[in-house]
Structures are given as structure tokens and as C-alpha cells.
Amino acid sequence: MTRQILVGGVPIGGGAPVVIQSMLNTKTTDVEGCLKQIRQLASAGCRIARLAVPNMEAARSFADICKDSPLP
């Protein structure tokens, strides 16, 4: 048995049901593009969205994305 963790309130592991997650394919610095893709994923049943944060500019954009994202 694995240990259960929470990702933004979504349980992972430890016998929790499998959840759909996806990786964004837009540049993290494209905040509106990322949010559009996240909303589309959420509409399709995705529960967790992942994205790359390769530099400080992307980290600043990530903070803006988190504010408006419907998914963790």
C-alpha cells in the first residue's frame, strides 16, 4: 500500500481512486493560454493539471495561473 497525499485537496495513492491528470503543452509564461487549456481539461474531467516552471519568469507566471485555475 502506498501513502496517500493530497494535491490541492485531491487524494493520490493510499487506495484513493485513480484521478485524471494532464500536463499542459503551452508555455507557462502564456498565462491566458494556460488557463484556457486548464479550463478545457477540467471540462473533460481532469482533476490535476501539471506544467513546467523552467525559470523565474515562468515562476512568476505560475503564481498568476494558480490564482485563477480551477484545478490544482
N, C-alpha and C. Protein backbone atom coordinates (compact mmCIF):
# COMPACT_ATOMS: atom_id res chain seq x y z
N MET A 1 0.85 -1.18 0.00
CA MET A 1 0.00 0.00 0.00
C MET A 1 0.90 1.24 0.00
N THR A 2 0.51 2.23 -0.79
CA THR A 2 1.27 3.47 -0.83
C THR A 2 0.68 4.47 0.16
N ARG A 3 1.44 5.48 0.44
CA ARG A 3 0.99 6.54 1.36
C ARG A 3 0.14 7.54 0.58
N GLN A 4 -0.98 7.94 1.14
CA GLN A 4 -1.85 8.90 0.47
C GLN A 4 -1.38 10.33 0.73
N ILE A 5 -1.39 11.13 -0.33
CA ILE A 5 -1.10 12.56 -0.22
C ILE A 5 -2.26 13.33 -0.85
N LEU A 6 -2.32 14.61 -0.55
CA LEU A 6 -3.33 15.47 -1.17
C LEU A 6 -2.64 16.47 -2.09
N VAL A 7 -3.17 16.60 -3.29
CA VAL A 7 -2.70 17.61 -4.24
C VAL A 7 -3.86 18.57 -4.42
N GLY A 8 -3.79 19.71 -3.73
CA GLY A 8 -4.89 20.67 -3.81
C GLY A 8 -6.22 20.09 -3.40
N GLY A 9 -6.20 19.20 -2.42
CA GLY A 9 -7.44 18.58 -1.94
C GLY A 9 -7.82 17.31 -2.68
N VAL A 10 -7.07 16.93 -3.71
CA VAL A 10 -7.34 15.71 -4.47
C VAL A 10 -6.45 14.60 -3.91
N PRO A 11 -7.04 13.51 -3.36
CA PRO A 11 -6.21 12.44 -2.80
C PRO A 11 -5.53 11.61 -3.90
N ILE A 12 -4.26 11.28 -3.66
CA ILE A 12 -3.47 10.46 -4.58
C ILE A 12 -2.83 9.35 -3.76
N GLY A 13 -2.88 8.11 -4.24
CA GLY A 13 -2.25 6.98 -3.56
C GLY A 13 -3.04 6.51 -2.36
N GLY A 14 -2.49 5.53 -1.66
CA GLY A 14 -3.11 5.02 -0.45
C GLY A 14 -4.51 4.47 -0.64
N GLY A 15 -4.78 3.90 -1.81
CA GLY A 15 -6.10 3.33 -2.06
C GLY A 15 -7.11 4.32 -2.60
N ALA A 16 -6.71 5.57 -2.80
CA ALA A 16 -7.63 6.57 -3.37
C ALA A 16 -7.96 6.20 -4.81
N PRO A 17 -9.14 6.56 -5.29
CA PRO A 17 -9.48 6.28 -6.68
C PRO A 17 -8.50 6.97 -7.64
N VAL A 18 -8.31 6.37 -8.79
CA VAL A 18 -7.44 6.96 -9.81
C VAL A 18 -8.08 8.26 -10.30
N VAL A 19 -7.27 9.30 -10.47
CA VAL A 19 -7.77 10.57 -10.99
C VAL A 19 -7.07 10.90 -12.30
N ILE A 20 -7.79 11.59 -13.16
CA ILE A 20 -7.22 12.02 -14.44
C ILE A 20 -6.37 13.26 -14.19
N GLN A 21 -5.15 13.23 -14.72
CA GLN A 21 -4.27 14.39 -14.65
C GLN A 21 -3.62 14.57 -16.01
N SER A 22 -3.18 15.78 -16.29
CA SER A 22 -2.58 16.06 -17.58
C SER A 22 -1.50 17.12 -17.44
N MET A 23 -0.61 17.16 -18.42
CA MET A 23 0.46 18.14 -18.49
C MET A 23 0.10 19.16 -19.57
N LEU A 24 0.21 20.44 -19.24
CA LEU A 24 -0.07 21.47 -20.23
C LEU A 24 1.00 21.46 -21.31
N ASN A 25 0.62 21.86 -22.53
CA ASN A 25 1.61 21.95 -23.60
C ASN A 25 1.75 23.38 -24.12
N THR A 26 1.36 24.34 -23.28
CA THR A 26 1.57 25.75 -23.60
C THR A 26 2.71 26.27 -22.74
N LYS A 27 3.34 27.34 -23.20
CA LYS A 27 4.41 27.94 -22.39
C LYS A 27 3.81 28.51 -21.11
N THR A 28 4.46 28.29 -20.00
CA THR A 28 3.96 28.75 -18.71
C THR A 28 3.83 30.27 -18.68
N THR A 29 4.64 30.96 -19.46
CA THR A 29 4.56 32.42 -19.50
C THR A 29 3.31 32.91 -20.24
N ASP A 30 2.62 32.04 -20.95
CA ASP A 30 1.36 32.38 -21.62
C ASP A 30 0.22 32.09 -20.64
N VAL A 31 0.01 33.01 -19.71
CA VAL A 31 -0.95 32.79 -18.62
C VAL A 31 -2.35 32.51 -19.16
N GLU A 32 -2.84 33.33 -20.07
CA GLU A 32 -4.19 33.12 -20.60
C GLU A 32 -4.30 31.81 -21.37
N GLY A 33 -3.26 31.46 -22.12
CA GLY A 33 -3.26 30.19 -22.84
C GLY A 33 -3.29 29.01 -21.89
N CYS A 34 -2.53 29.10 -20.81
CA CYS A 34 -2.52 28.04 -19.80
C CYS A 34 -3.88 27.90 -19.14
N LEU A 35 -4.47 29.04 -18.76
CA LEU A 35 -5.77 28.99 -18.10
C LEU A 35 -6.85 28.44 -19.02
N LYS A 36 -6.79 28.79 -20.30
CA LYS A 36 -7.75 28.25 -21.27
C LYS A 36 -7.62 26.73 -21.33
N GLN A 37 -6.37 26.26 -21.42
CA GLN A 37 -6.15 24.82 -21.50
C GLN A 37 -6.58 24.12 -20.21
N ILE A 38 -6.32 24.71 -19.07
CA ILE A 38 -6.73 24.13 -17.78
C ILE A 38 -8.25 24.02 -17.72
N ARG A 39 -8.94 25.06 -18.15
CA ARG A 39 -10.42 25.03 -18.13
C ARG A 39 -10.96 23.94 -19.06
N GLN A 40 -10.32 23.78 -20.22
CA GLN A 40 -10.74 22.72 -21.14
C GLN A 40 -10.51 21.35 -20.52
N LEU A 41 -9.38 21.17 -19.87
CA LEU A 41 -9.08 19.90 -19.21
C LEU A 41 -10.09 19.62 -18.10
N ALA A 42 -10.41 20.65 -17.31
CA ALA A 42 -11.38 20.49 -16.23
C ALA A 42 -12.74 20.08 -16.79
N SER A 43 -13.13 20.67 -17.91
CA SER A 43 -14.42 20.34 -18.54
C SER A 43 -14.45 18.89 -19.02
N ALA A 44 -13.27 18.36 -19.35
CA ALA A 44 -13.17 16.98 -19.83
C ALA A 44 -13.03 15.97 -18.69
N GLY A 45 -13.02 16.46 -17.43
CA GLY A 45 -12.95 15.55 -16.29
C GLY A 45 -11.60 15.45 -15.62
N CYS A 46 -10.64 16.22 -16.10
CA CYS A 46 -9.31 16.22 -15.48
C CYS A 46 -9.40 16.82 -14.08
N ARG A 47 -8.65 16.26 -13.13
CA ARG A 47 -8.68 16.75 -11.74
C ARG A 47 -7.40 17.46 -11.32
N ILE A 48 -6.28 17.19 -12.05
CA ILE A 48 -5.00 17.81 -11.72
C ILE A 48 -4.31 18.21 -13.02
N ALA A 49 -3.80 19.45 -13.05
CA ALA A 49 -3.03 19.92 -14.21
C ALA A 49 -1.59 20.15 -13.77
N ARG A 50 -0.66 19.74 -14.62
CA ARG A 50 0.77 19.93 -14.33
C ARG A 50 1.36 20.84 -15.40
N LEU A 51 2.40 21.56 -15.05
CA LEU A 51 3.09 22.41 -16.02
C LEU A 51 4.54 22.57 -15.62
N ALA A 52 5.35 22.99 -16.59
CA ALA A 52 6.79 23.16 -16.34
C ALA A 52 7.06 24.58 -15.86
N VAL A 53 8.01 24.70 -14.93
CA VAL A 53 8.44 26.01 -14.42
C VAL A 53 9.97 26.05 -14.54
N PRO A 54 10.48 26.31 -15.77
CA PRO A 54 11.92 26.21 -16.00
C PRO A 54 12.76 27.41 -15.59
N ASN A 55 12.11 28.55 -15.27
CA ASN A 55 12.88 29.74 -14.93
C ASN A 55 12.04 30.69 -14.07
N MET A 56 12.65 31.79 -13.65
CA MET A 56 11.96 32.73 -12.76
C MET A 56 10.77 33.41 -13.44
N GLU A 57 10.87 33.69 -14.73
CA GLU A 57 9.75 34.30 -15.44
C GLU A 57 8.54 33.36 -15.41
N ALA A 58 8.80 32.07 -15.62
CA ALA A 58 7.73 31.07 -15.55
C ALA A 58 7.19 30.96 -14.13
N ALA A 59 8.04 31.10 -13.13
CA ALA A 59 7.60 31.03 -11.73
C ALA A 59 6.64 32.17 -11.41
N ARG A 60 6.93 33.36 -11.93
CA ARG A 60 6.03 34.49 -11.72
C ARG A 60 4.69 34.24 -12.42
N SER A 61 4.74 33.69 -13.61
CA SER A 61 3.51 33.37 -14.34
C SER A 61 2.73 32.28 -13.62
N PHE A 62 3.44 31.31 -13.05
CA PHE A 62 2.80 30.22 -12.32
C PHE A 62 1.94 30.76 -11.18
N ALA A 63 2.44 31.75 -10.49
CA ALA A 63 1.68 32.36 -9.39
C ALA A 63 0.37 32.95 -9.91
N ASP A 64 0.42 33.60 -11.07
CA ASP A 64 -0.80 34.18 -11.66
C ASP A 64 -1.76 33.09 -12.11
N ILE A 65 -1.23 32.00 -12.65
CA ILE A 65 -2.07 30.88 -13.10
C ILE A 65 -2.78 30.26 -11.90
N CYS A 66 -2.06 30.06 -10.81
CA CYS A 66 -2.65 29.44 -9.62
C CYS A 66 -3.83 30.24 -9.07
N LYS A 67 -3.76 31.55 -9.17
CA LYS A 67 -4.83 32.40 -8.64
C LYS A 67 -6.17 32.12 -9.33
N ASP A 68 -6.14 31.83 -10.63
CA ASP A 68 -7.37 31.70 -11.41
C ASP A 68 -7.67 30.28 -11.88
N SER A 69 -6.81 29.33 -11.56
CA SER A 69 -7.00 27.96 -12.03
C SER A 69 -8.09 27.22 -11.25
N PRO A 70 -8.99 26.54 -11.97
CA PRO A 70 -9.99 25.72 -11.27
C PRO A 70 -9.42 24.38 -10.81
N LEU A 71 -8.20 24.05 -11.24
CA LEU A 71 -7.57 22.78 -10.88
C LEU A 71 -6.29 23.02 -10.09
N PRO A 72 -5.94 22.06 -9.21
CA PRO A 72 -4.63 22.17 -8.55
C PRO A 72 -3.53 21.76 -9.51
